[in-house]
Amino acid sequence: MGTHIHKRFDDEFVRLLFQKYVNKDIPTEQMLNILEIKKTRFFELLKKYRNDPEGFSIIYKRNSPSRISEILEGLILEELKKERGLITDKDIPINSYNYSYIRDQIYKNNGLKVSVPTIIKRAKENYYYHRQTYSNNGYQSYKNLCCNYNFQIRCNMGSN
């Protein structure tokens, strides 16, 4: 049960085995032992064989592309560039990239799906990655948060 069936056998051999199985020359248990697969996988392959005996193949085919398109790559970089503009603007209190937002914008505007890890990988490759830094002093961070909150409340009270 170590390696995949398509790496151990060729199509012709497996096709011959299934032909003998369908003709009742080989019992199920012997087929499972020869192919070294479990019942579920065996019956999936048998169904494929019965649907198209001549075109039957055990070759593994990927369903998803392994690379993203150049268009999607460009959209990711464009969104990262916009985010960098927000981060470098001192008037806006943003200090890190929001990769989920970038993913959502690409889907909303273009209908293309991309994963957040892919966006992060492209950000690192193109120097759009901002590492999060955390304070060792949690109390100081809490104190600053409270000061900022109190300051905002005082500002809002004075404007009324």
N, C-alpha and C. Protein backbone atom coordinates (compact mmCIF):
# COMPACT_ATOMS: atom_id res chain seq x y z
N MET A 1 0.81 -1.20 0.00
CA MET A 1 0.00 0.00 0.00
C MET A 1 0.86 1.26 0.00
N GLY A 2 2.15 1.13 -0.25
CA GLY A 2 3.06 2.26 -0.19
C GLY A 2 2.92 3.24 -1.34
N THR A 3 3.12 2.79 -2.57
CA THR A 3 3.11 3.71 -3.70
C THR A 3 1.78 3.68 -4.43
N HIS A 4 1.58 4.67 -5.25
CA HIS A 4 0.33 4.78 -6.02
C HIS A 4 0.26 3.69 -7.09
N ILE A 5 -0.96 3.32 -7.42
CA ILE A 5 -1.17 2.24 -8.39
C ILE A 5 -0.61 2.61 -9.77
N HIS A 6 -0.71 3.89 -10.15
CA HIS A 6 -0.22 4.29 -11.48
C HIS A 6 1.31 4.28 -11.55
N LYS A 7 1.97 4.22 -10.41
CA LYS A 7 3.43 4.13 -10.41
C LYS A 7 3.90 2.68 -10.40
N ARG A 8 3.03 1.76 -9.97
CA ARG A 8 3.42 0.35 -9.88
C ARG A 8 3.06 -0.46 -11.12
N PHE A 9 1.97 -0.10 -11.78
CA PHE A 9 1.48 -0.88 -12.92
C PHE A 9 1.21 0.03 -14.11
N ASP A 10 1.22 -0.57 -15.29
CA ASP A 10 0.84 0.19 -16.48
C ASP A 10 -0.63 -0.09 -16.80
N ASP A 11 -1.19 0.74 -17.66
CA ASP A 11 -2.62 0.65 -18.00
C ASP A 11 -2.99 -0.72 -18.57
N GLU A 12 -2.15 -1.23 -19.44
CA GLU A 12 -2.44 -2.49 -20.13
C GLU A 12 -2.59 -3.65 -19.15
N PHE A 13 -1.70 -3.72 -18.15
CA PHE A 13 -1.75 -4.79 -17.17
C PHE A 13 -3.03 -4.71 -16.33
N VAL A 14 -3.36 -3.52 -15.87
CA VAL A 14 -4.56 -3.34 -15.04
C VAL A 14 -5.81 -3.62 -15.87
N ARG A 15 -5.82 -3.19 -17.11
CA ARG A 15 -6.94 -3.45 -18.01
C ARG A 15 -7.15 -4.96 -18.18
N LEU A 16 -6.06 -5.70 -18.34
CA LEU A 16 -6.12 -7.15 -18.47
C LEU A 16 -6.68 -7.80 -17.20
N LEU A 17 -6.23 -7.31 -16.04
CA LEU A 17 -6.75 -7.83 -14.77
C LEU A 17 -8.25 -7.60 -14.63
N PHE A 18 -8.70 -6.41 -14.98
CA PHE A 18 -10.13 -6.12 -14.87
C PHE A 18 -10.94 -6.94 -15.87
N GLN A 19 -10.38 -7.19 -17.02
CA GLN A 19 -11.07 -8.02 -18.00
C GLN A 19 -11.26 -9.43 -17.44
N LYS A 20 -10.20 -9.96 -16.80
CA LYS A 20 -10.31 -11.29 -16.19
C LYS A 20 -11.29 -11.28 -15.02
N TYR A 21 -11.32 -10.18 -14.26
CA TYR A 21 -12.25 -10.08 -13.14
C TYR A 21 -13.69 -10.07 -13.63
N VAL A 22 -13.95 -9.29 -14.69
CA VAL A 22 -15.30 -9.21 -15.24
C VAL A 22 -15.74 -10.57 -15.79
N ASN A 23 -14.79 -11.34 -16.35
CA ASN A 23 -15.09 -12.68 -16.87
C ASN A 23 -15.14 -13.73 -15.76
N LYS A 24 -14.98 -13.29 -14.51
CA LYS A 24 -15.02 -14.14 -13.32
C LYS A 24 -13.88 -15.16 -13.27
N ASP A 25 -12.72 -14.79 -13.84
CA ASP A 25 -11.54 -15.65 -13.77
C ASP A 25 -10.72 -15.39 -12.51
N ILE A 26 -10.83 -14.18 -11.95
CA ILE A 26 -10.09 -13.81 -10.74
C ILE A 26 -11.08 -13.32 -9.69
N PRO A 27 -11.00 -13.84 -8.44
CA PRO A 27 -11.90 -13.36 -7.38
C PRO A 27 -11.48 -11.97 -6.86
N THR A 28 -12.39 -11.33 -6.18
CA THR A 28 -12.16 -9.97 -5.68
C THR A 28 -10.95 -9.89 -4.76
N GLU A 29 -10.87 -10.80 -3.81
CA GLU A 29 -9.76 -10.77 -2.84
C GLU A 29 -8.41 -10.87 -3.53
N GLN A 30 -8.32 -11.69 -4.55
CA GLN A 30 -7.06 -11.84 -5.28
C GLN A 30 -6.73 -10.55 -6.04
N MET A 31 -7.73 -9.90 -6.60
CA MET A 31 -7.52 -8.61 -7.28
C MET A 31 -7.01 -7.55 -6.30
N LEU A 32 -7.60 -7.52 -5.11
CA LEU A 32 -7.17 -6.57 -4.10
C LEU A 32 -5.71 -6.81 -3.70
N ASN A 33 -5.34 -8.10 -3.58
CA ASN A 33 -3.96 -8.44 -3.22
C ASN A 33 -2.98 -8.10 -4.33
N ILE A 34 -3.34 -8.37 -5.58
CA ILE A 34 -2.45 -8.09 -6.70
C ILE A 34 -2.23 -6.59 -6.85
N LEU A 35 -3.33 -5.83 -6.83
CA LEU A 35 -3.25 -4.39 -7.03
C LEU A 35 -2.81 -3.64 -5.77
N GLU A 36 -2.90 -4.31 -4.63
CA GLU A 36 -2.56 -3.72 -3.33
C GLU A 36 -3.35 -2.44 -3.07
N ILE A 37 -4.67 -2.53 -3.26
CA ILE A 37 -5.57 -1.41 -2.99
C ILE A 37 -6.72 -1.92 -2.14
N LYS A 38 -7.48 -1.01 -1.58
CA LYS A 38 -8.63 -1.37 -0.76
C LYS A 38 -9.88 -1.47 -1.63
N LYS A 39 -10.95 -1.98 -1.03
CA LYS A 39 -12.18 -2.24 -1.78
C LYS A 39 -12.76 -0.98 -2.42
N THR A 40 -12.78 0.11 -1.69
CA THR A 40 -13.38 1.34 -2.21
C THR A 40 -12.68 1.78 -3.50
N ARG A 41 -11.36 1.82 -3.45
CA ARG A 41 -10.58 2.23 -4.63
C ARG A 41 -10.76 1.21 -5.76
N PHE A 42 -10.81 -0.07 -5.42
CA PHE A 42 -10.99 -1.11 -6.42
C PHE A 42 -12.30 -0.92 -7.18
N PHE A 43 -13.38 -0.69 -6.45
CA PHE A 43 -14.68 -0.55 -7.10
C PHE A 43 -14.80 0.77 -7.87
N GLU A 44 -14.08 1.80 -7.44
CA GLU A 44 -14.03 3.03 -8.24
C GLU A 44 -13.37 2.75 -9.59
N LEU A 45 -12.25 2.04 -9.55
CA LEU A 45 -11.55 1.70 -10.80
C LEU A 45 -12.37 0.75 -11.67
N LEU A 46 -13.06 -0.20 -11.04
CA LEU A 46 -13.90 -1.14 -11.78
C LEU A 46 -15.01 -0.39 -12.50
N LYS A 47 -15.60 0.59 -11.83
CA LYS A 47 -16.66 1.39 -12.45
C LYS A 47 -16.12 2.15 -13.67
N LYS A 48 -14.92 2.75 -13.50
CA LYS A 48 -14.28 3.44 -14.64
C LYS A 48 -14.02 2.46 -15.78
N TYR A 49 -13.57 1.26 -15.46
CA TYR A 49 -13.29 0.25 -16.48
C TYR A 49 -14.56 -0.15 -17.21
N ARG A 50 -15.64 -0.40 -16.48
CA ARG A 50 -16.89 -0.84 -17.10
C ARG A 50 -17.50 0.25 -17.99
N ASN A 51 -17.29 1.53 -17.62
CA ASN A 51 -17.81 2.64 -18.43
C ASN A 51 -17.10 2.75 -19.77
N ASP A 52 -15.79 2.47 -19.79
CA ASP A 52 -15.00 2.60 -21.02
C ASP A 52 -13.80 1.66 -20.96
N PRO A 53 -14.00 0.36 -21.30
CA PRO A 53 -12.91 -0.60 -21.20
C PRO A 53 -11.70 -0.26 -22.07
N GLU A 54 -11.93 0.27 -23.27
CA GLU A 54 -10.81 0.58 -24.17
C GLU A 54 -10.08 1.85 -23.76
N GLY A 55 -10.80 2.83 -23.23
CA GLY A 55 -10.19 4.10 -22.84
C GLY A 55 -9.77 4.14 -21.39
N PHE A 56 -9.92 3.03 -20.68
CA PHE A 56 -9.58 2.97 -19.26
C PHE A 56 -8.10 3.28 -19.02
N SER A 57 -7.85 4.12 -18.02
CA SER A 57 -6.47 4.49 -17.68
C SER A 57 -6.37 4.73 -16.18
N ILE A 58 -5.22 4.40 -15.61
CA ILE A 58 -5.00 4.64 -14.18
C ILE A 58 -4.08 5.83 -13.96
N ILE A 59 -3.77 6.56 -15.03
CA ILE A 59 -2.88 7.71 -14.93
C ILE A 59 -3.56 8.79 -14.10
N TYR A 60 -2.81 9.35 -13.17
CA TYR A 60 -3.31 10.39 -12.29
C TYR A 60 -3.25 11.74 -13.00
N LYS A 61 -4.34 12.49 -12.96
CA LYS A 61 -4.39 13.80 -13.57
C LYS A 61 -4.82 14.83 -12.53
N ARG A 62 -4.10 15.93 -12.46
CA ARG A 62 -4.46 17.01 -11.54
C ARG A 62 -5.66 17.76 -12.08
N ASN A 63 -6.50 18.21 -11.14
CA ASN A 63 -7.67 18.99 -11.54
C ASN A 63 -7.41 20.49 -11.53
N SER A 64 -6.49 20.92 -10.68
CA SER A 64 -6.25 22.36 -10.55
C SER A 64 -4.90 22.74 -11.14
N PRO A 65 -4.82 23.95 -11.67
CA PRO A 65 -3.53 24.39 -12.21
C PRO A 65 -2.55 24.63 -11.07
N SER A 66 -1.28 24.39 -11.34
CA SER A 66 -0.28 24.54 -10.29
C SER A 66 0.27 25.96 -10.22
N ARG A 67 0.00 26.77 -11.21
CA ARG A 67 0.48 28.15 -11.23
C ARG A 67 -0.68 29.10 -11.51
N ILE A 68 -0.51 30.33 -11.04
CA ILE A 68 -1.53 31.33 -11.32
C ILE A 68 -1.18 32.05 -12.62
N SER A 69 -2.17 32.65 -13.22
CA SER A 69 -1.96 33.33 -14.51
C SER A 69 -1.20 34.64 -14.30
N GLU A 70 -0.64 35.15 -15.38
CA GLU A 70 0.09 36.42 -15.32
C GLU A 70 -0.85 37.57 -14.99
N ILE A 71 -2.09 37.46 -15.44
CA ILE A 71 -3.09 38.49 -15.16
C ILE A 71 -3.35 38.57 -13.66
N LEU A 72 -3.54 37.40 -13.04
CA LEU A 72 -3.79 37.35 -11.60
C LEU A 72 -2.56 37.84 -10.82
N GLU A 73 -1.39 37.48 -11.30
CA GLU A 73 -0.15 37.94 -10.69
C GLU A 73 -0.09 39.47 -10.70
N GLY A 74 -0.44 40.07 -11.83
CA GLY A 74 -0.45 41.52 -11.95
C GLY A 74 -1.47 42.17 -11.03
N LEU A 75 -2.64 41.55 -10.90
CA LEU A 75 -3.68 42.09 -10.02
C LEU A 75 -3.22 42.06 -8.56
N ILE A 76 -2.55 40.98 -8.17
CA ILE A 76 -2.04 40.87 -6.80
C ILE A 76 -1.04 41.99 -6.53
N LEU A 77 -0.10 42.19 -7.45
CA LEU A 77 0.92 43.22 -7.27
C LEU A 77 0.31 44.62 -7.25
N GLU A 78 -0.72 44.82 -8.07
CA GLU A 78 -1.41 46.12 -8.11
C GLU A 78 -2.07 46.41 -6.76
N GLU A 79 -2.75 45.42 -6.21
CA GLU A 79 -3.42 45.59 -4.90
C GLU A 79 -2.39 45.78 -3.79
N LEU A 80 -1.27 45.05 -3.86
CA LEU A 80 -0.21 45.21 -2.86
C LEU A 80 0.37 46.62 -2.91
N LYS A 81 0.48 47.16 -4.12
CA LYS A 81 1.01 48.51 -4.30
C LYS A 81 0.06 49.53 -3.66
N LYS A 82 -1.25 49.33 -3.84
CA LYS A 82 -2.24 50.21 -3.20
C LYS A 82 -2.12 50.15 -1.68
N GLU A 83 -1.99 48.93 -1.16
CA GLU A 83 -1.85 48.75 0.29
C GLU A 83 -0.59 49.43 0.81
N ARG A 84 0.51 49.33 0.06
CA ARG A 84 1.76 49.98 0.47
C ARG A 84 1.55 51.49 0.57
N GLY A 85 0.80 52.04 -0.38
CA GLY A 85 0.50 53.47 -0.33
C GLY A 85 -0.24 53.85 0.94
N LEU A 86 -1.17 53.02 1.39
CA LEU A 86 -1.90 53.28 2.62
C LEU A 86 -0.99 53.16 3.84
N ILE A 87 -0.10 52.19 3.81
CA ILE A 87 0.79 51.96 4.95
C ILE A 87 1.80 53.10 5.09
N THR A 88 2.31 53.58 3.99
CA THR A 88 3.33 54.64 4.04
C THR A 88 2.72 56.02 4.30
N ASP A 89 1.42 56.18 4.11
CA ASP A 89 0.75 57.44 4.39
C ASP A 89 0.64 57.62 5.90
N LYS A 90 1.27 58.66 6.41
CA LYS A 90 1.31 58.89 7.87
C LYS A 90 -0.04 59.33 8.43
N ASP A 91 -0.93 59.85 7.59
CA ASP A 91 -2.24 60.30 8.05
C ASP A 91 -3.21 59.15 8.29
N ILE A 92 -2.91 57.98 7.74
CA ILE A 92 -3.80 56.83 7.88
C ILE A 92 -3.16 55.84 8.87
N PRO A 93 -3.89 55.44 9.92
CA PRO A 93 -3.31 54.58 10.96
C PRO A 93 -3.27 53.09 10.57
N ILE A 94 -2.71 52.78 9.41
CA ILE A 94 -2.56 51.40 8.98
C ILE A 94 -1.06 51.08 8.97
N ASN A 95 -0.69 49.97 9.60
CA ASN A 95 0.73 49.65 9.67
C ASN A 95 1.08 48.26 9.16
N SER A 96 0.10 47.57 8.57
CA SER A 96 0.41 46.25 8.00
C SER A 96 -0.54 45.95 6.84
N TYR A 97 -0.13 45.00 6.02
CA TYR A 97 -0.94 44.60 4.87
C TYR A 97 -2.12 43.76 5.32
N ASN A 98 -3.26 43.93 4.67
CA ASN A 98 -4.44 43.12 4.93
C ASN A 98 -4.63 42.19 3.73
N TYR A 99 -4.04 41.01 3.81
CA TYR A 99 -4.03 40.09 2.68
C TYR A 99 -5.42 39.54 2.36
N SER A 100 -6.25 39.38 3.38
CA SER A 100 -7.62 38.90 3.14
C SER A 100 -8.42 39.94 2.35
N TYR A 101 -8.19 41.21 2.67
CA TYR A 101 -8.86 42.28 1.94
C TYR A 101 -8.42 42.27 0.48
N ILE A 102 -7.14 42.06 0.24
CA ILE A 102 -6.62 42.01 -1.13
C ILE A 102 -7.29 40.87 -1.89
N ARG A 103 -7.39 39.70 -1.24
CA ARG A 103 -8.05 38.55 -1.87
C ARG A 103 -9.50 38.89 -2.21
N ASP A 104 -10.19 39.51 -1.25
CA ASP A 104 -11.60 39.86 -1.47
C ASP A 104 -11.76 40.88 -2.59
N GLN A 105 -10.87 41.85 -2.69
CA GLN A 105 -10.94 42.86 -3.74
C GLN A 105 -10.72 42.25 -5.12
N ILE A 106 -9.77 41.34 -5.21
CA ILE A 106 -9.49 40.68 -6.49
C ILE A 106 -10.71 39.87 -6.93
N TYR A 107 -11.35 39.18 -5.98
CA TYR A 107 -12.55 38.39 -6.31
C TYR A 107 -13.71 39.31 -6.67
N LYS A 108 -13.91 40.37 -5.89
CA LYS A 108 -15.03 41.29 -6.11
C LYS A 108 -14.91 42.01 -7.44
N ASN A 109 -13.73 42.50 -7.76
CA ASN A 109 -13.54 43.31 -8.97
C ASN A 109 -13.33 42.50 -10.24
N ASN A 110 -12.76 41.29 -10.10
CA ASN A 110 -12.38 40.53 -11.29
C ASN A 110 -12.96 39.12 -11.34
N GLY A 111 -13.55 38.66 -10.24
CA GLY A 111 -14.13 37.32 -10.21
C GLY A 111 -13.09 36.20 -10.19
N LEU A 112 -11.85 36.53 -9.82
CA LEU A 112 -10.78 35.53 -9.79
C LEU A 112 -10.49 35.13 -8.34
N LYS A 113 -10.34 33.84 -8.11
CA LYS A 113 -10.06 33.35 -6.77
C LYS A 113 -8.56 33.14 -6.61
N VAL A 114 -8.07 33.55 -5.44
CA VAL A 114 -6.66 33.35 -5.10
C VAL A 114 -6.58 33.16 -3.58
N SER A 115 -5.66 32.34 -3.13
CA SER A 115 -5.56 32.09 -1.70
C SER A 115 -4.68 33.13 -1.03
N VAL A 116 -4.91 33.34 0.25
CA VAL A 116 -4.12 34.29 1.03
C VAL A 116 -2.65 33.87 1.08
N PRO A 117 -2.32 32.57 1.27
CA PRO A 117 -0.90 32.19 1.25
C PRO A 117 -0.21 32.53 -0.08
N THR A 118 -0.93 32.46 -1.18
CA THR A 118 -0.36 32.84 -2.48
C THR A 118 -0.06 34.33 -2.50
N ILE A 119 -0.97 35.13 -1.96
CA ILE A 119 -0.76 36.58 -1.91
C ILE A 119 0.45 36.90 -1.03
N ILE A 120 0.55 36.24 0.11
CA ILE A 120 1.68 36.47 1.01
C ILE A 120 2.99 36.07 0.33
N LYS A 121 2.97 34.97 -0.39
CA LYS A 121 4.18 34.52 -1.10
C LYS A 121 4.61 35.57 -2.13
N ARG A 122 3.65 36.10 -2.90
CA ARG A 122 3.98 37.12 -3.90
C ARG A 122 4.44 38.40 -3.22
N ALA A 123 3.87 38.72 -2.07
CA ALA A 123 4.28 39.91 -1.33
C ALA A 123 5.73 39.78 -0.88
N LYS A 124 6.10 38.62 -0.38
CA LYS A 124 7.49 38.41 0.05
C LYS A 124 8.44 38.46 -1.14
N GLU A 125 8.05 37.85 -2.25
CA GLU A 125 8.91 37.81 -3.44
C GLU A 125 9.15 39.21 -4.01
N ASN A 126 8.16 40.11 -3.86
CA ASN A 126 8.24 41.44 -4.45
C ASN A 126 8.43 42.54 -3.41
N TYR A 127 8.84 42.18 -2.21
CA TYR A 127 9.16 43.11 -1.13
C TYR A 127 7.97 43.97 -0.71
N TYR A 128 6.80 43.38 -0.70
CA TYR A 128 5.61 44.03 -0.16
C TYR A 128 5.21 43.43 1.17
N TYR A 129 6.11 42.76 1.81
CA TYR A 129 5.79 42.05 3.04
C TYR A 129 6.23 42.88 4.23
N HIS A 130 5.33 43.11 5.15
CA HIS A 130 5.65 43.88 6.35
C HIS A 130 5.48 42.94 7.54
N ARG A 131 6.58 42.69 8.20
CA ARG A 131 6.56 41.76 9.33
C ARG A 131 5.91 42.42 10.53
N GLN A 132 5.02 41.70 11.20
CA GLN A 132 4.37 42.20 12.39
C GLN A 132 5.39 42.27 13.53
N THR A 133 5.42 43.37 14.23
CA THR A 133 6.27 43.47 15.41
C THR A 133 5.36 43.65 16.62
N TYR A 134 5.66 42.91 17.64
CA TYR A 134 4.86 42.95 18.86
C TYR A 134 5.71 43.46 20.01
N SER A 135 5.08 44.23 20.86
CA SER A 135 5.77 44.77 22.02
C SER A 135 5.93 43.66 23.06
N ASN A 136 7.08 43.63 23.70
CA ASN A 136 7.29 42.67 24.79
C ASN A 136 6.54 43.10 26.03
N ASN A 137 6.24 44.37 26.12
CA ASN A 137 5.56 44.90 27.29
C ASN A 137 4.08 45.04 26.98
N GLY A 138 3.29 44.04 27.31
CA GLY A 138 1.87 44.06 27.02
C GLY A 138 1.15 45.16 27.76
N TYR A 139 1.60 45.49 28.98
CA TYR A 139 0.96 46.54 29.76
C TYR A 139 1.12 47.89 29.07
N GLN A 140 2.30 48.14 28.53
CA GLN A 140 2.54 49.41 27.85
C GLN A 140 1.61 49.56 26.65
N SER A 141 1.42 48.47 25.89
CA SER A 141 0.52 48.50 24.74
C SER A 141 -0.91 48.79 25.19
N TYR A 142 -1.33 48.15 26.30
CA TYR A 142 -2.66 48.35 26.84
C TYR A 142 -2.82 49.80 27.31
N LYS A 143 -1.80 50.31 27.97
CA LYS A 143 -1.82 51.68 28.46
C LYS A 143 -1.95 52.67 27.30
N ASN A 144 -1.19 52.43 26.21
CA ASN A 144 -1.28 53.31 25.04
C ASN A 144 -2.66 53.24 24.40
N LEU A 145 -3.24 52.05 24.36
CA LEU A 145 -4.57 51.87 23.79
C LEU A 145 -5.59 52.66 24.60
N CYS A 146 -5.50 52.58 25.93
CA CYS A 146 -6.43 53.31 26.80
C CYS A 146 -6.26 54.82 26.64
N CYS A 147 -5.01 55.28 26.54
CA CYS A 147 -4.76 56.71 26.35
C CYS A 147 -5.36 57.20 25.04
N ASN A 148 -5.17 56.45 23.98
CA ASN A 148 -5.73 56.83 22.68
C ASN A 148 -7.24 56.86 22.72
N TYR A 149 -7.85 55.87 23.40
CA TYR A 149 -9.29 55.80 23.50
C TYR A 149 -9.83 57.00 24.29
N ASN A 150 -9.18 57.29 25.43
CA ASN A 150 -9.61 58.44 26.25
C ASN A 150 -9.45 59.75 25.50
N PHE A 151 -8.38 59.86 24.73
CA PHE A 151 -8.14 61.07 23.95
C PHE A 151 -9.26 61.26 22.92
N GLN A 152 -9.65 60.17 22.24
CA GLN A 152 -10.71 60.26 21.25
C GLN A 152 -12.03 60.65 21.88
N ILE A 153 -12.32 60.12 23.09
CA ILE A 153 -13.56 60.46 23.78
C ILE A 153 -13.58 61.96 24.14
N ARG A 154 -12.43 62.47 24.66
CA ARG A 154 -12.35 63.87 25.02
C ARG A 154 -12.52 64.77 23.80
N CYS A 155 -11.93 64.36 22.68
CA CYS A 155 -12.05 65.15 21.45
C CYS A 155 -13.49 65.20 20.98
N ASN A 156 -14.17 64.07 21.05
CA ASN A 156 -15.56 64.00 20.60
C ASN A 156 -16.48 64.79 21.53
N MET A 157 -16.18 64.82 22.84
CA MET A 157 -17.01 65.56 23.79
C MET A 157 -16.87 67.06 23.55
N GLY A 158 -15.67 67.49 23.20
CA GLY A 158 -15.45 68.93 22.99
C GLY A 158 -16.09 69.44 21.71
N SER A 159 -16.34 68.56 20.75
CA SER A 159 -16.91 69.02 19.47
C SER A 159 -18.40 69.18 19.52
N ASN A 160 -19.07 68.68 20.59
CA ASN A 160 -20.53 68.77 20.68
C ASN A 160 -20.99 70.11 21.09
